[in-house]
Amino acid sequence: MKSIAYPLLVASLFCLCGCSSPNNNDPELYSHNGSPATTRLLVGRWVGEISPNPTETRRWVCVRKSDGTYTIDFEVTYNESQQVQHVHESGRWSVSGDFYQTNTTLVDGKPTDPMSPYFSDIYRIESLTETSFTYRHMQTKQRYTVHRVL
C-alpha cells in the first residue's frame, strides 16, 4: 500500500503548488509583471491547510522571496492511520496581472523535469491582503486560502 500511496501523494501535492509551462528555464517567465504592490504582498511566509477528503489533511508552509524563488513544505496526515508524510519543494514564482504562477524545480532535493506539465501551476488571485491570500488553481479549480505568519 505504501508503494502505491507515495506516488499518489506526490502527484496530488504537485496540484497544490507546482502544472504546465514547457519552457521553465526562460528568465522572462520569472519577471514580476504584476503590480509592485501585489508582488510585495506575496513575499513572506504563508501557511495553509485543506482536507480534500475525509481521510486526509494537508498542511503547508510557503516562503516566497522577492528574488522570485520559493520553498514549500507539505505535511500530509492520513486521518485513519495518523501516518504523516513530508515533501519539500522549491522553485520560482511570478505574478502577471491577476495571475500567480509557480514553477517547481526541486522536490525533496531532486531536480524536476522542466518539460513535465506537473511542475508548473497557474492560479487566479481572488483576494490578497497583508494577512490572507486566496487563489484558485486554473486547471483543477481548487481554491486555497493561506495566512501570513511571521
Foldseek 3Di string as FASTA:
>chain_A
DVVVVVVVVVLVVLLVAFFADQCQPPPVVQDAQEDPVVLVLPAAKKKWWDDPDPQKIKIKIKHAHSVFKIKMKIWMAGVVVRDIDIKIWMFGWYDHYQKIKTATQDIPRHGDDSRGRSGMWMWGWPDTDNFKTWIATPPPRDIIMITGDD
